[in-house]
Protein backbone atom coordinates (compact mmCIF):
# COMPACT_ATOMS: atom_id res chain seq x y z
CA MET A 1 -123.14 87.00 18.03
CA ARG A 2 -120.87 88.80 14.91
CA MET A 3 -119.73 91.88 15.92
CA GLY A 4 -119.34 93.14 12.43
CA LEU A 5 -115.44 93.41 13.27
CA PRO A 6 -112.85 94.18 10.27
CA LEU A 7 -110.74 91.39 11.92
CA GLY A 8 -113.69 88.39 11.71
CA GLY A 9 -116.74 87.63 12.35
CA GLY A 10 -118.39 86.02 14.74
CA ILE A 11 -117.00 85.63 18.63
CA GLY A 12 -113.77 84.39 17.27
CA GLY A 13 -113.62 88.08 15.89
CA ILE A 14 -114.28 89.37 19.36
CA VAL A 15 -111.25 87.42 20.67
CA LEU A 16 -108.72 88.34 18.07
CA LEU A 17 -109.40 91.83 18.33
CA LEU A 18 -108.87 91.91 22.23
CA LEU A 19 -105.69 89.98 21.55
CA VAL A 20 -104.57 92.64 18.66
CA SER A 21 -105.51 95.18 21.09
CA ALA A 22 -103.46 93.88 24.17
CA LEU A 23 -100.47 93.44 21.93
CA THR A 24 -100.17 96.92 20.04
CA GLY A 25 -101.90 98.67 23.25
CA GLN A 26 -104.62 100.08 20.93
CA ASN A 27 -108.02 100.68 22.53
CA PRO A 28 -110.35 98.21 20.99
CA LEU A 29 -113.24 100.92 19.95
CA ASP A 30 -109.90 102.42 18.02
CA LEU A 31 -109.33 99.36 16.12
CA VAL A 32 -113.59 98.79 15.12
CA GLY A 33 -113.81 103.00 14.52
CA GLY A 34 -117.29 104.40 15.35
CA LEU A 35 -118.19 107.81 15.54
CA ALA A 36 -115.48 110.12 15.31
CA GLY A 37 -114.54 112.16 18.06
CA THR A 38 -117.50 110.90 20.30
CA PRO A 39 -116.52 110.10 23.98
CA THR A 40 -118.20 106.60 24.22
CA GLU A 41 -116.54 104.95 27.22
CA GLU A 42 -115.30 105.55 30.91
CA VAL A 43 -114.32 103.45 33.78
CA ALA A 44 -114.69 104.65 37.39
CA PRO A 45 -111.50 105.05 38.71
CA GLY A 46 -110.15 102.58 40.83
CA THR A 47 -112.90 99.93 39.36
CA VAL A 48 -113.24 98.05 36.36
CA SER A 49 -109.89 97.70 34.55
CA SER A 50 -110.21 99.29 30.88
CA ASP A 51 -108.55 96.13 29.45
CA ASP A 52 -111.24 93.46 30.95
CA PRO A 53 -112.23 91.31 28.17
CA GLN A 54 -115.74 91.68 29.02
CA ALA A 55 -116.21 95.30 29.29
CA GLN A 56 -114.29 95.47 26.33
CA PHE A 57 -116.95 93.43 24.59
CA ILE A 58 -119.73 95.70 25.93
CA SER A 59 -117.99 98.70 24.84
CA VAL A 60 -117.94 97.31 21.18
CA VAL A 61 -122.07 96.40 21.41
CA LEU A 62 -122.30 100.26 22.29
CA LYS A 63 -120.76 101.23 19.14
CA GLU A 64 -122.70 98.72 17.25
CA THR A 65 -125.75 100.00 19.00
CA GLU A 66 -124.60 103.84 17.78
CA GLU A 67 -124.45 102.53 14.16
CA THR A 68 -128.22 101.53 14.26
CA TRP A 69 -129.46 104.56 16.14
CA ASP A 70 -127.58 107.01 13.68
CA GLN A 71 -128.86 105.47 11.01
CA ILE A 72 -132.34 105.55 12.35
CA PHE A 73 -132.12 109.22 13.02
CA ARG A 74 -130.56 110.40 9.77
CA GLU A 75 -133.47 109.01 8.02
CA ARG A 76 -135.59 110.94 10.27
CA GLY A 77 -133.89 114.03 9.48
CA ALA A 78 -132.24 114.10 12.97
CA ARG A 79 -128.96 113.83 14.50
CA TYR A 80 -127.87 111.25 17.01
CA GLN A 81 -125.99 111.91 19.84
CA PRO A 82 -124.56 108.66 21.59
CA PRO A 83 -124.58 108.17 25.30
CA VAL A 84 -121.29 107.71 27.16
CA LEU A 85 -120.97 104.19 28.88
CA VAL A 86 -119.55 104.27 32.42
CA LEU A 87 -118.00 100.81 33.47
CA PHE A 88 -117.89 100.43 37.60
CA THR A 89 -118.22 98.13 40.48
CA GLU A 90 -120.21 98.02 43.77
CA ALA A 91 -120.81 102.01 43.44
CA THR A 92 -120.46 105.05 41.30
CA GLN A 93 -121.61 108.38 41.70
CA SER A 94 -123.58 109.61 38.70
CA ALA A 95 -125.76 113.01 37.76
CA CYS A 96 -128.81 111.12 39.39
CA GLY A 97 -127.49 110.40 42.49
CA ILE A 98 -125.45 107.37 43.19
CA GLY A 99 -125.32 104.15 41.55
CA GLN A 100 -125.15 100.87 43.15
CA SER A 101 -124.58 97.06 42.15
CA ALA A 102 -128.13 96.25 43.55
CA MET A 103 -129.73 98.43 41.46
CA GLY A 104 -128.70 96.89 37.95
CA PRO A 105 -127.30 98.70 34.65
CA PHE A 106 -129.09 101.96 34.97
CA TYR A 107 -129.40 104.91 32.35
CA CYS A 108 -129.24 108.16 33.88
CA PRO A 109 -130.94 110.97 31.75
CA VAL A 110 -128.92 114.10 33.74
CA ASP A 111 -126.05 113.14 32.22
CA HIS A 112 -126.60 110.97 29.18
CA LYS A 113 -124.46 108.16 30.88
CA VAL A 114 -125.23 104.18 30.56
CA TYR A 115 -123.78 102.94 34.09
CA LEU A 116 -123.03 99.22 33.98
CA ASP A 117 -121.69 96.93 37.23
CA LEU A 118 -119.96 94.38 34.76
CA SER A 119 -121.03 91.76 38.04
CA PHE A 120 -124.76 91.99 37.07
CA PHE A 121 -123.91 89.80 33.42
CA GLU A 122 -122.26 86.97 35.84
CA ASP A 123 -125.81 87.48 37.63
CA LEU A 124 -127.57 87.07 34.91
CA ALA A 125 -125.96 84.12 33.52
CA GLN A 126 -125.91 82.30 36.90
CA ARG A 127 -128.60 83.63 39.01
CA PHE A 128 -131.19 84.13 36.23
CA GLY A 129 -130.08 81.41 33.93
CA ALA A 130 -129.72 83.70 30.80
CA PRO A 131 -125.96 83.14 29.40
CA GLY A 132 -124.84 84.46 26.42
CA GLU A 133 -123.22 87.25 24.01
CA PHE A 134 -126.66 88.70 22.88
CA ALA A 135 -128.06 88.45 26.40
CA ARG A 136 -125.44 90.86 27.39
CA ALA A 137 -125.82 92.66 24.28
CA TYR A 138 -129.90 92.93 24.92
CA VAL A 139 -129.14 95.03 28.41
CA VAL A 140 -126.66 97.20 26.73
CA ALA A 141 -129.27 97.91 24.17
CA HIS A 142 -131.90 98.41 26.22
CA GLU A 143 -130.22 101.06 28.33
CA VAL A 144 -129.44 102.52 25.13
CA GLY A 145 -133.19 102.42 24.14
CA HIS A 146 -133.78 104.81 27.62
CA HIS A 147 -131.17 107.14 26.22
CA VAL A 148 -133.31 107.29 22.76
CA GLN A 149 -136.35 108.33 24.90
CA THR A 150 -134.75 111.09 26.22
CA LEU A 151 -133.42 112.64 22.94
CA THR A 152 -136.49 112.40 21.54
CA GLY A 153 -138.50 113.89 24.69
CA ILE A 154 -140.67 110.58 25.80
CA SER A 155 -138.76 110.79 29.21
CA ASP A 156 -139.51 114.33 29.88
CA ARG A 157 -143.25 113.85 29.20
CA VAL A 158 -143.32 110.81 31.49
CA ALA A 159 -141.55 112.54 33.74
CA GLY A 160 -144.36 115.06 33.69
CA LEU A 161 -147.12 113.07 33.84
CA ARG A 162 -145.61 110.97 36.83
CA ARG A 163 -145.44 114.15 38.77
CA GLN A 164 -149.79 114.44 38.17
CA ASP A 165 -150.59 110.90 39.41
CA ASP A 166 -150.68 108.52 42.03
CA GLU A 167 -148.16 105.23 42.86
CA VAL A 168 -150.32 102.62 40.87
CA THR A 169 -150.34 105.19 37.80
CA ASN A 170 -146.79 106.00 37.71
CA ASN A 171 -145.64 102.49 37.88
CA GLY A 172 -148.14 101.82 35.11
CA LEU A 173 -145.98 104.60 33.30
CA SER A 174 -142.70 103.42 34.40
CA VAL A 175 -143.90 99.55 32.98
CA ARG A 176 -144.62 101.39 29.37
CA GLN A 177 -141.34 103.13 29.34
CA GLU A 178 -139.36 100.50 30.22
CA LEU A 179 -141.15 97.98 27.50
CA GLN A 180 -140.75 100.72 24.71
CA ALA A 181 -136.46 100.59 25.59
CA ASP A 182 -137.22 96.88 25.51
CA CYS A 183 -138.47 97.13 22.20
CA TYR A 184 -136.10 99.83 20.99
CA ALA A 185 -133.47 97.03 22.14
CA GLY A 186 -135.19 94.84 19.74
CA VAL A 187 -135.27 97.43 16.89
CA TRP A 188 -131.49 97.21 17.40
CA GLY A 189 -131.35 93.38 17.31
CA HIS A 190 -133.32 93.80 13.95
CA TYR A 191 -130.69 95.65 12.17
CA ALA A 192 -128.00 93.39 13.79
CA ARG A 193 -129.29 90.65 12.10
CA GLN A 194 -129.46 92.71 8.96
CA ARG A 195 -125.90 93.24 8.83
CA ASP A 196 -125.52 89.88 9.40
CA LEU A 197 -124.05 89.85 12.94
CA LEU A 198 -126.23 87.51 14.65
CA ASP A 199 -125.30 83.68 14.96
CA PRO A 200 -128.34 81.29 15.26
CA GLY A 201 -129.80 81.09 18.50
CA ASP A 202 -128.91 85.04 19.85
CA ALA A 203 -131.85 86.17 19.78
CA GLU A 204 -133.48 83.45 21.81
CA ASP A 205 -130.74 84.29 24.27
CA GLY A 206 -132.18 87.77 24.18
CA LEU A 207 -135.71 86.84 24.86
CA ARG A 208 -134.43 84.49 27.92
CA ALA A 209 -132.73 87.66 29.20
CA ALA A 210 -135.98 89.35 29.08
CA ALA A 211 -137.99 86.73 30.61
CA ALA A 212 -135.37 86.17 32.88
CA ILE A 213 -135.77 90.14 34.48
CA GLY A 214 -139.44 90.55 34.59
CA ASP A 215 -141.23 91.98 37.44
CA ASP A 216 -143.38 88.89 38.07
CA ARG A 217 -140.02 86.33 37.94
CA LEU A 218 -138.22 88.59 40.23
CA GLN A 219 -141.07 89.03 42.66
CA ARG A 220 -141.65 85.30 42.88
CA GLN A 221 -138.51 84.73 43.39
CA SER A 222 -137.58 87.37 46.12
CA GLN A 223 -141.11 87.52 48.44
CA GLY A 224 -142.84 84.33 46.80
CA ARG A 225 -145.44 86.21 45.79
CA VAL A 226 -146.43 88.65 42.76
CA VAL A 227 -147.93 91.96 43.23
CA PRO A 228 -148.53 93.22 39.51
CA GLU A 229 -149.51 96.98 41.11
CA SER A 230 -145.89 97.21 42.18
CA PHE A 231 -144.44 96.24 38.91
CA THR A 232 -141.69 98.81 37.31
CA HIS A 233 -140.07 96.75 34.12
CA GLY A 234 -143.23 94.39 33.01
CA SER A 235 -144.16 90.84 33.32
CA SER A 236 -141.72 88.30 31.99
CA ALA A 237 -144.45 88.03 29.15
CA GLN A 238 -144.53 91.55 28.28
CA ARG A 239 -140.79 92.12 28.44
CA VAL A 240 -140.73 89.13 25.72
CA GLU A 241 -143.25 90.10 23.84
CA TRP A 242 -141.86 94.16 23.22
CA LEU A 243 -138.29 92.52 22.75
CA ARG A 244 -139.76 90.65 19.93
CA ARG A 245 -142.01 93.19 18.49
CA GLY A 246 -138.57 95.28 17.92
CA LEU A 247 -136.77 92.15 16.49
CA GLU A 248 -139.45 91.39 14.16
CA SER A 249 -140.57 94.62 13.24
CA GLY A 250 -137.16 96.97 13.03
CA ARG A 251 -139.67 99.93 13.34
CA VAL A 252 -139.35 102.65 15.82
CA ASP A 253 -143.27 103.24 15.66
CA ALA A 254 -143.94 99.48 16.42
CA CYS A 255 -142.73 100.53 19.85
CA ASP A 256 -145.53 102.72 21.10
CA THR A 257 -146.47 101.22 24.24
CA PHE A 258 -148.08 104.25 25.37
CA SER A 259 -151.08 103.69 23.29
CA THR A 260 -151.19 100.02 23.77
CA PRO A 261 -153.85 99.11 26.49
């Protein structure tokens, strides 16, 4: 996966970037630039080291999503306000409550922050069989997709509907919201491919990651049976389908999961 770095393309460019960062003492985000004056990264005190190579990789991915969504919002006559990335281990406090590693990555619409425990990416590669840089990037882009839903009012509308219905209907709304975030991640991937940031096979890494964390696969692994009524994120096939739609179309309006049967 090429991150569009001024020091060269591909993963080698990221390694060189991190090396220069270590030698100069500069934050790698300062070296790649981005939206000036925007605080986009926090590290929970006493948890993840700010010079962790994986943490820096994820931070650079976040910057890339900012470029994409800034462009999309400007084309629609709006201003994109990027989320803040919070890296933690084991547990952290958010405006939405205590975040724990067992929850996986999550987005809090109250404080507009994306919370990531880097151990999840080890599980993604080893436990779920979805290694690769773009697989990790997809997870970040998915959470950023929830931020886009918050900025555009979709999250508020879903929250309003959820208060009025039963658990099965609420779960269905949650699935649609999650699948739309998958599609939005694909939209970012589409733009990344146009900017020649993706290597051959990167898209397949992302699709493999989407399949690995489908509700049906996770339920089968944990309890030996599948209960579709309890799905909250969508099946493996659904997650792959909507990520692919975003990747292939690059259009936000192709991600309307709420109008699709």
